[in-house]
Every structure is written in structure tokens, then in C-alpha cells.
Amino acid sequence: MSADREFARKLFTGPCEFIAGAASLDALPTSQLPEVAFLGRSNVGKSSLINALVGRSSLARVSHTPGRTRQINLFRLRDLLMLADLPGYGFARVSKSESLAWNELIRGYLNSRKNLRRVVLLIDARRGTMESDEAGMGLLDGAAVAYQVVFTKSDLVSSAECNRVLTATAETLKKHPAALSELLTTAAKSGAGIPELRLSLAQLAAH
């Protein structure tokens, strides 16, 4: 095991603390730590992925009801890295006014969070890139925030279908200047792809 991979493992399986849940930008605590945010469609599996990354079952609240995360939740890893769980887009079962308010919260966060180093844009491997995902990419391009596409629930599709989705998404990303070229596939339940994602994000941590 390389030193970098071991550092990544220790970082994500070490002390992790819930810092705050903020439903408005004013409620967000200031931080000097590098920050990584997780963004994606409602019910794409953001909370499940965060739990898998930190090796816990219930750090981030998991819900099967789309639109359950209604605030920005911050978690601190060993005083080296901050994780932000953002509300999902493409909301279901919420009012139009709520959806607009959450979109404005996300937009404001992306444009004002000075220590934000990367956004992990989650896409459901079963569905591939949808119209709302492309809208999210446009939002990130506009904010000039580097983002990495990570597929969730890859264990629920065949290898052939997963490869098809990867190829199509890689082609889509060529139109988006803020997107990183590396694509990762993960499965929160099996742990597939988790070490690779930890390694990618650990490179952003304060040393």
C-alpha cells in the first residue's frame, strides 16, 4: 500500500465530526480548511457515499425520500478537510418555491465559499447523465469550481452498461471546462471505488 493511499485511508477513517447544518448562507460557519462538496440529483446517494467514505453507517442521514436533505451539512475530518453535503437538485415532492430556494442556496454556496477546492458531482450509474445533471454542470462551470464526476450505485448495472454510461458522460464533459477528466465509479454498499475516491480527495487535504 502506497504512502498516499495509507494517508487517504487514515484521513477518512479517522475522527470525523458533524460541524453544522445550514439552511442559509449566513448560517454557514467560516472555515480555513480545504473543502470538498458533494452535489447531485435527489436520491443519487450522496449521504450513503459520504458514510462509506468515512467508514460509518449513519454520520450523514440517509433517506429513501427524494428531497430530504434541505440544508448544507458540514463534516470535519481530522482538522485537515471539510466535507459538505449539499441539497439535491431535480427535486421531487417539494414545492416550486422550495426548489428555487435550494437552488439559490447551492448557487450562493458555490460562488462564495472561498476554501472550496472541488465538487464531487454524483450521477446514478443506472440512469446516466440526465438533463438536470447537465444543468448542474452548467452551474458549476459558471461558478468556475473544479468538479469530478463520480458514479454511484455502479453495482446495480452490468459492466457493459456502466462502460456505456462512462463513455457517453466523458463525451458530454468535453463541453464543460470546469470538469476534471477522470471519472470514478463507486458502490456504497460493496465499497467498490471508495479507496480510489478517498485517494483523489485526500490530495486536497491540508498537510
C-alpha atoms as a PDB file:
ATOM      1  CA  MET A   1       0.000   0.000   0.000  1.00  0.00           C
ATOM      2  CA  SER A   2       1.480   3.334  -1.025  1.00  0.00           C
ATOM      3  CA  ALA A   3       2.046   6.102   1.491  1.00  0.00           C
ATOM      4  CA  ASP A   4      -0.543   8.293  -0.269  1.00  0.00           C
ATOM      5  CA  ARG A   5      -3.199   5.569  -0.157  1.00  0.00           C
ATOM      6  CA  GLU A   6      -2.467   4.890   3.506  1.00  0.00           C
ATOM      7  CA  PHE A   7      -2.768   8.609   4.316  1.00  0.00           C
ATOM      8  CA  ALA A   8      -6.108   8.694   2.476  1.00  0.00           C
ATOM      9  CA  ARG A   9      -7.387   5.680   4.405  1.00  0.00           C
ATOM     10  CA  LYS A  10      -6.371   7.146   7.762  1.00  0.00           C
ATOM     11  CA  LEU A  11      -7.822  10.536   6.875  1.00  0.00           C
ATOM     12  CA  PHE A  12     -11.248   9.182   6.030  1.00  0.00           C
ATOM     13  CA  THR A  13     -11.456   6.543   8.760  1.00  0.00           C
ATOM     14  CA  GLY A  14     -10.120   8.833  11.479  1.00  0.00           C
ATOM     15  CA  PRO A  15     -12.022  11.344  13.614  1.00  0.00           C
ATOM     16  CA  CYS A  16     -14.949  12.889  11.745  1.00  0.00           C
ATOM     17  CA  GLU A  17     -17.221  15.469  13.315  1.00  0.00           C
ATOM     18  CA  PHE A  18     -20.522  16.971  12.245  1.00  0.00           C
ATOM     19  CA  ILE A  19     -19.977  20.739  12.367  1.00  0.00           C
ATOM     20  CA  ALA A  20     -23.218  22.390  11.288  1.00  0.00           C
ATOM     21  CA  GLY A  21     -26.348  22.196   9.199  1.00  0.00           C
ATOM     22  CA  ALA A  22     -27.064  25.486   7.448  1.00  0.00           C
ATOM     23  CA  ALA A  23     -30.274  26.339   5.623  1.00  0.00           C
ATOM     24  CA  SER A  24     -28.915  29.752   4.629  1.00  0.00           C
ATOM     25  CA  LEU A  25     -25.550  31.174   3.635  1.00  0.00           C
ATOM     26  CA  ASP A  26     -25.459  33.355   6.741  1.00  0.00           C
ATOM     27  CA  ALA A  27     -25.666  30.234   8.906  1.00  0.00           C
ATOM     28  CA  LEU A  28     -22.578  28.630   7.353  1.00  0.00           C
ATOM     29  CA  PRO A  29     -19.620  28.708   9.764  1.00  0.00           C
ATOM     30  CA  THR A  30     -16.366  30.119   8.455  1.00  0.00           C
ATOM     31  CA  SER A  31     -13.532  27.670   7.912  1.00  0.00           C
ATOM     32  CA  GLN A  32      -9.887  27.767   6.929  1.00  0.00           C
ATOM     33  CA  LEU A  33      -9.817  24.115   5.877  1.00  0.00           C
ATOM     34  CA  PRO A  34      -9.889  22.959   2.268  1.00  0.00           C
ATOM     35  CA  GLU A  35     -13.464  21.978   1.466  1.00  0.00           C
ATOM     36  CA  VAL A  36     -14.999  19.320  -0.786  1.00  0.00           C
ATOM     37  CA  ALA A  37     -18.706  19.431  -1.615  1.00  0.00           C
ATOM     38  CA  PHE A  38     -20.979  16.617  -2.792  1.00  0.00           C
ATOM     39  CA  LEU A  39     -23.687  17.511  -5.287  1.00  0.00           C
ATOM     40  CA  GLY A  40     -26.162  15.520  -7.359  1.00  0.00           C
ATOM     41  CA  ARG A  41     -29.761  14.675  -8.097  1.00  0.00           C
ATOM     42  CA  SER A  42     -32.087  13.975  -5.195  1.00  0.00           C
ATOM     43  CA  ASN A  43     -31.684  10.401  -4.000  1.00  0.00           C
ATOM     44  CA  VAL A  44     -28.493   9.841  -6.020  1.00  0.00           C
ATOM     45  CA  GLY A  45     -26.837   8.546  -2.857  1.00  0.00           C
ATOM     46  CA  LYS A  46     -24.812  11.489  -1.529  1.00  0.00           C
ATOM     47  CA  SER A  47     -25.307  10.635   2.133  1.00  0.00           C
ATOM     48  CA  SER A  48     -24.657   6.922   1.554  1.00  0.00           C
ATOM     49  CA  LEU A  49     -21.421   7.726  -0.262  1.00  0.00           C
ATOM     50  CA  ILE A  50     -20.220  10.071   2.478  1.00  0.00           C
ATOM     51  CA  ASN A  51     -20.936   7.375   5.078  1.00  0.00           C
ATOM     52  CA  ALA A  52     -18.981   4.843   3.003  1.00  0.00           C
ATOM     53  CA  LEU A  53     -16.056   7.248   2.617  1.00  0.00           C
ATOM     54  CA  VAL A  54     -15.714   7.791   6.360  1.00  0.00           C
ATOM     55  CA  GLY A  55     -16.454   4.164   7.238  1.00  0.00           C
ATOM     56  CA  ARG A  56     -19.590   4.869   9.249  1.00  0.00           C
ATOM     57  CA  SER A  57     -23.195   3.854   8.833  1.00  0.00           C
ATOM     58  CA  SER A  58     -25.029   6.956   9.998  1.00  0.00           C
ATOM     59  CA  LEU A  59     -22.790  10.034  10.005  1.00  0.00           C
ATOM     60  CA  ALA A  60     -24.783  11.556   7.147  1.00  0.00           C
ATOM     61  CA  ARG A  61     -28.502  10.926   7.335  1.00  0.00           C
ATOM     62  CA  VAL A  62     -29.735   8.584   4.597  1.00  0.00           C
ATOM     63  CA  SER A  63     -33.280   8.808   3.281  1.00  0.00           C
ATOM     64  CA  HIS A  64     -35.163   6.989   0.528  1.00  0.00           C
ATOM     65  CA  THR A  65     -37.364  10.051   0.025  1.00  0.00           C
ATOM     66  CA  PRO A  66     -36.001  12.428  -2.652  1.00  0.00           C
ATOM     67  CA  GLY A  67     -35.509  15.987  -1.453  1.00  0.00           C
ATOM     68  CA  ARG A  68     -34.930  15.080   2.194  1.00  0.00           C
ATOM     69  CA  THR A  69     -31.633  16.987   2.536  1.00  0.00           C
ATOM     70  CA  ARG A  70     -32.776  20.594   2.893  1.00  0.00           C
ATOM     71  CA  GLN A  71     -29.617  22.233   4.139  1.00  0.00           C
ATOM     72  CA  ILE A  72     -25.859  22.200   3.712  1.00  0.00           C
ATOM     73  CA  ASN A  73     -24.334  19.757   6.200  1.00  0.00           C
ATOM     74  CA  LEU A  74     -20.649  20.153   7.080  1.00  0.00           C
ATOM     75  CA  PHE A  75     -18.331  17.452   8.429  1.00  0.00           C
ATOM     76  CA  ARG A  76     -14.710  17.944   9.536  1.00  0.00           C
ATOM     77  CA  LEU A  77     -12.067  15.259   9.006  1.00  0.00           C
ATOM     78  CA  ARG A  78      -9.151  15.358  11.464  1.00  0.00           C
ATOM     79  CA  ASP A  79      -8.805  19.147  11.148  1.00  0.00           C
ATOM     80  CA  LEU A  80      -7.478  18.533   7.629  1.00  0.00           C
ATOM     81  CA  LEU A  81     -10.502  18.554   5.335  1.00  0.00           C
ATOM     82  CA  MET A  82     -14.133  19.717   5.380  1.00  0.00           C
ATOM     83  CA  LEU A  83     -16.904  17.797   3.608  1.00  0.00           C
ATOM     84  CA  ALA A  84     -20.135  19.496   2.564  1.00  0.00           C
ATOM     85  CA  ASP A  85     -23.302  17.530   1.769  1.00  0.00           C
ATOM     86  CA  LEU A  86     -25.406  19.814  -0.453  1.00  0.00           C
ATOM     87  CA  PRO A  87     -29.167  19.591  -1.117  1.00  0.00           C
ATOM     88  CA  GLY A  88     -30.023  17.564  -4.193  1.00  0.00           C
ATOM     89  CA  TYR A  89     -31.301  19.075  -7.408  1.00  0.00           C
ATOM     90  CA  GLY A  90     -34.090  17.727  -9.614  1.00  0.00           C
ATOM     91  CA  PHE A  91     -36.232  17.728  -6.505  1.00  0.00           C
ATOM     92  CA  ALA A  92     -39.269  15.512  -6.155  1.00  0.00           C
ATOM     93  CA  ARG A  93     -42.292  16.050  -3.889  1.00  0.00           C
ATOM     94  CA  VAL A  94     -41.374  19.596  -2.927  1.00  0.00           C
ATOM     95  CA  SER A  95     -42.931  22.892  -3.865  1.00  0.00           C
ATOM     96  CA  LYS A  96     -41.553  25.041  -6.655  1.00  0.00           C
ATOM     97  CA  SER A  97     -40.667  27.744  -4.121  1.00  0.00           C
ATOM     98  CA  GLU A  98     -38.663  25.244  -2.039  1.00  0.00           C
ATOM     99  CA  SER A  99     -36.853  24.007  -5.133  1.00  0.00           C
ATOM    100  CA  LEU A 100     -35.942  27.557  -6.156  1.00  0.00           C
ATOM    101  CA  ALA A 101     -34.762  28.379  -2.636  1.00  0.00           C
ATOM    102  CA  TRP A 102     -32.494  25.324  -2.524  1.00  0.00           C
ATOM    103  CA  ASN A 103     -31.083  26.097  -5.954  1.00  0.00           C
ATOM    104  CA  GLU A 104     -30.254  29.625  -4.818  1.00  0.00           C
ATOM    105  CA  LEU A 105     -28.619  28.222  -1.677  1.00  0.00           C
ATOM    106  CA  ILE A 106     -26.408  25.941  -3.780  1.00  0.00           C
ATOM    107  CA  ARG A 107     -25.571  28.728  -6.226  1.00  0.00           C
ATOM    108  CA  GLY A 108     -24.677  31.113  -3.400  1.00  0.00           C
ATOM    109  CA  TYR A 109     -22.524  28.475  -1.721  1.00  0.00           C
ATOM    110  CA  LEU A 110     -20.587  27.734  -4.905  1.00  0.00           C
ATOM    111  CA  ASN A 111     -19.918  31.401  -5.588  1.00  0.00           C
ATOM    112  CA  SER A 112     -18.968  32.447  -2.057  1.00  0.00           C
ATOM    113  CA  ARG A 113     -17.165  29.550  -0.349  1.00  0.00           C
ATOM    114  CA  LYS A 114     -13.549  30.661  -0.631  1.00  0.00           C
ATOM    115  CA  ASN A 115     -11.975  27.397   0.572  1.00  0.00           C
ATOM    116  CA  LEU A 116     -13.980  25.181  -1.776  1.00  0.00           C
ATOM    117  CA  ARG A 117     -11.417  23.093  -3.641  1.00  0.00           C
ATOM    118  CA  ARG A 118     -13.606  20.614  -5.508  1.00  0.00           C
ATOM    119  CA  VAL A 119     -17.158  19.482  -6.055  1.00  0.00           C
ATOM    120  CA  VAL A 120     -17.895  15.790  -6.394  1.00  0.00           C
ATOM    121  CA  LEU A 121     -20.776  15.609  -8.856  1.00  0.00           C
ATOM    122  CA  LEU A 122     -22.629  12.354  -8.315  1.00  0.00           C
ATOM    123  CA  ILE A 123     -24.505  10.638 -11.126  1.00  0.00           C
ATOM    124  CA  ASP A 124     -26.606   7.492 -10.784  1.00  0.00           C
ATOM    125  CA  ALA A 125     -24.959   4.805 -12.938  1.00  0.00           C
ATOM    126  CA  ARG A 126     -28.377   3.310 -13.670  1.00  0.00           C
ATOM    127  CA  ARG A 127     -29.609   6.493 -15.325  1.00  0.00           C
ATOM    128  CA  GLY A 128     -26.507   8.164 -16.713  1.00  0.00           C
ATOM    129  CA  THR A 129     -26.284  11.896 -17.321  1.00  0.00           C
ATOM    130  CA  MET A 130     -29.742  13.449 -17.259  1.00  0.00           C
ATOM    131  CA  GLU A 131     -30.905  16.924 -18.232  1.00  0.00           C
ATOM    132  CA  SER A 132     -30.781  18.100 -14.628  1.00  0.00           C
ATOM    133  CA  ASP A 133     -27.197  16.822 -14.330  1.00  0.00           C
ATOM    134  CA  GLU A 134     -26.167  18.878 -17.337  1.00  0.00           C
ATOM    135  CA  ALA A 135     -27.836  21.891 -15.721  1.00  0.00           C
ATOM    136  CA  GLY A 136     -25.746  21.182 -12.602  1.00  0.00           C
ATOM    137  CA  MET A 137     -22.612  21.069 -14.741  1.00  0.00           C
ATOM    138  CA  GLY A 138     -23.524  24.430 -16.211  1.00  0.00           C
ATOM    139  CA  LEU A 139     -23.948  25.828 -12.702  1.00  0.00           C
ATOM    140  CA  LEU A 140     -20.500  24.584 -11.732  1.00  0.00           C
ATOM    141  CA  ASP A 141     -18.934  25.922 -14.937  1.00  0.00           C
ATOM    142  CA  GLY A 142     -20.456  29.315 -14.206  1.00  0.00           C
ATOM    143  CA  ALA A 143     -19.037  29.315 -10.680  1.00  0.00           C
ATOM    144  CA  ALA A 144     -15.620  28.229 -12.047  1.00  0.00           C
ATOM    145  CA  VAL A 145     -15.442  25.414  -9.485  1.00  0.00           C
ATOM    146  CA  ALA A 146     -13.468  22.308 -10.434  1.00  0.00           C
ATOM    147  CA  TYR A 147     -15.640  19.217 -10.260  1.00  0.00           C
ATOM    148  CA  GLN A 148     -15.183  15.493 -10.627  1.00  0.00           C
ATOM    149  CA  VAL A 149     -17.956  13.192 -11.810  1.00  0.00           C
ATOM    150  CA  VAL A 150     -18.413  10.109  -9.636  1.00  0.00           C
ATOM    151  CA  PHE A 151     -20.969   7.436 -10.456  1.00  0.00           C
ATOM    152  CA  THR A 152     -22.970   5.882  -7.636  1.00  0.00           C
ATOM    153  CA  LYS A 153     -24.779   2.521  -7.479  1.00  0.00           C
ATOM    154  CA  SER A 154     -22.481   1.005 -10.082  1.00  0.00           C
ATOM    155  CA  ASP A 155     -23.129  -2.422  -8.570  1.00  0.00           C
ATOM    156  CA  LEU A 156     -26.719  -2.237  -9.826  1.00  0.00           C
ATOM    157  CA  VAL A 157     -25.800  -2.195 -13.532  1.00  0.00           C
ATOM    158  CA  SER A 158     -23.868  -4.556 -15.760  1.00  0.00           C
ATOM    159  CA  SER A 159     -20.255  -3.855 -16.681  1.00  0.00           C
ATOM    160  CA  ALA A 160     -21.294  -3.245 -20.276  1.00  0.00           C
ATOM    161  CA  GLU A 161     -23.948  -0.707 -19.288  1.00  0.00           C
ATOM    162  CA  CYS A 162     -21.568   1.003 -16.868  1.00  0.00           C
ATOM    163  CA  ASN A 163     -18.956   1.339 -19.624  1.00  0.00           C
ATOM    164  CA  ARG A 164     -21.574   2.751 -21.988  1.00  0.00           C
ATOM    165  CA  VAL A 165     -22.580   5.376 -19.427  1.00  0.00           C
ATOM    166  CA  LEU A 166     -18.930   6.255 -18.751  1.00  0.00           C
ATOM    167  CA  THR A 167     -18.199   6.729 -22.441  1.00  0.00           C
ATOM    168  CA  ALA A 168     -21.270   8.893 -23.005  1.00  0.00           C
ATOM    169  CA  THR A 169     -20.524  11.035 -19.949  1.00  0.00           C
ATOM    170  CA  ALA A 170     -16.883  11.510 -20.938  1.00  0.00           C
ATOM    171  CA  GLU A 171     -18.105  12.864 -24.252  1.00  0.00           C
ATOM    172  CA  THR A 172     -20.546  15.204 -22.501  1.00  0.00           C
ATOM    173  CA  LEU A 173     -17.824  16.548 -20.198  1.00  0.00           C
ATOM    174  CA  LYS A 174     -15.798  17.792 -23.156  1.00  0.00           C
ATOM    175  CA  LYS A 175     -18.284  20.681 -23.318  1.00  0.00           C
ATOM    176  CA  HIS A 176     -17.760  21.633 -19.680  1.00  0.00           C
ATOM    177  CA  PRO A 177     -14.488  23.470 -18.914  1.00  0.00           C
ATOM    178  CA  ALA A 178     -14.612  23.082 -15.123  1.00  0.00           C
ATOM    179  CA  ALA A 179     -14.931  19.290 -15.244  1.00  0.00           C
ATOM    180  CA  LEU A 180     -11.974  17.059 -14.448  1.00  0.00           C
ATOM    181  CA  SER A 181     -11.337  14.335 -16.990  1.00  0.00           C
ATOM    182  CA  GLU A 182     -11.054  11.466 -14.502  1.00  0.00           C
ATOM    183  CA  LEU A 183     -14.309   9.570 -13.919  1.00  0.00           C
ATOM    184  CA  LEU A 184     -14.796   7.246 -10.957  1.00  0.00           C
ATOM    185  CA  THR A 185     -17.389   4.554 -10.282  1.00  0.00           C
ATOM    186  CA  THR A 186     -18.492   3.658  -6.767  1.00  0.00           C
ATOM    187  CA  ALA A 187     -20.908   1.451  -4.872  1.00  0.00           C
ATOM    188  CA  ALA A 188     -21.556   2.470  -1.275  1.00  0.00           C
ATOM    189  CA  LYS A 189     -22.846  -0.951  -0.205  1.00  0.00           C
ATOM    190  CA  SER A 190     -19.939  -3.009  -1.538  1.00  0.00           C
ATOM    191  CA  GLY A 191     -17.265  -0.361  -1.068  1.00  0.00           C
ATOM    192  CA  ALA A 192     -16.229  -0.521  -4.717  1.00  0.00           C
ATOM    193  CA  GLY A 193     -14.338   2.594  -5.793  1.00  0.00           C
ATOM    194  CA  ILE A 194     -14.209   4.035  -2.276  1.00  0.00           C
ATOM    195  CA  PRO A 195     -10.387   3.732  -1.843  1.00  0.00           C
ATOM    196  CA  GLU A 196      -9.869   5.434  -5.213  1.00  0.00           C
ATOM    197  CA  LEU A 197     -12.193   8.314  -4.315  1.00  0.00           C
ATOM    198  CA  ARG A 198     -10.536   8.704  -0.919  1.00  0.00           C
ATOM    199  CA  LEU A 199      -7.146   8.923  -2.625  1.00  0.00           C
ATOM    200  CA  SER A 200      -8.365  11.555  -5.086  1.00  0.00           C
ATOM    201  CA  LEU A 201      -9.851  13.754  -2.370  1.00  0.00           C
ATOM    202  CA  ALA A 202      -7.055  13.280   0.172  1.00  0.00           C
ATOM    203  CA  GLN A 203      -4.734  15.135  -2.201  1.00  0.00           C
ATOM    204  CA  LEU A 204      -6.721  18.290  -1.384  1.00  0.00           C
ATOM    205  CA  ALA A 205      -6.350  17.988   2.396  1.00  0.00           C
ATOM    206  CA  ALA A 206      -4.208  20.343   4.464  1.00  0.00           C
ATOM    207  CA  HIS A 207      -0.894  18.717   5.387  1.00  0.00           C
END
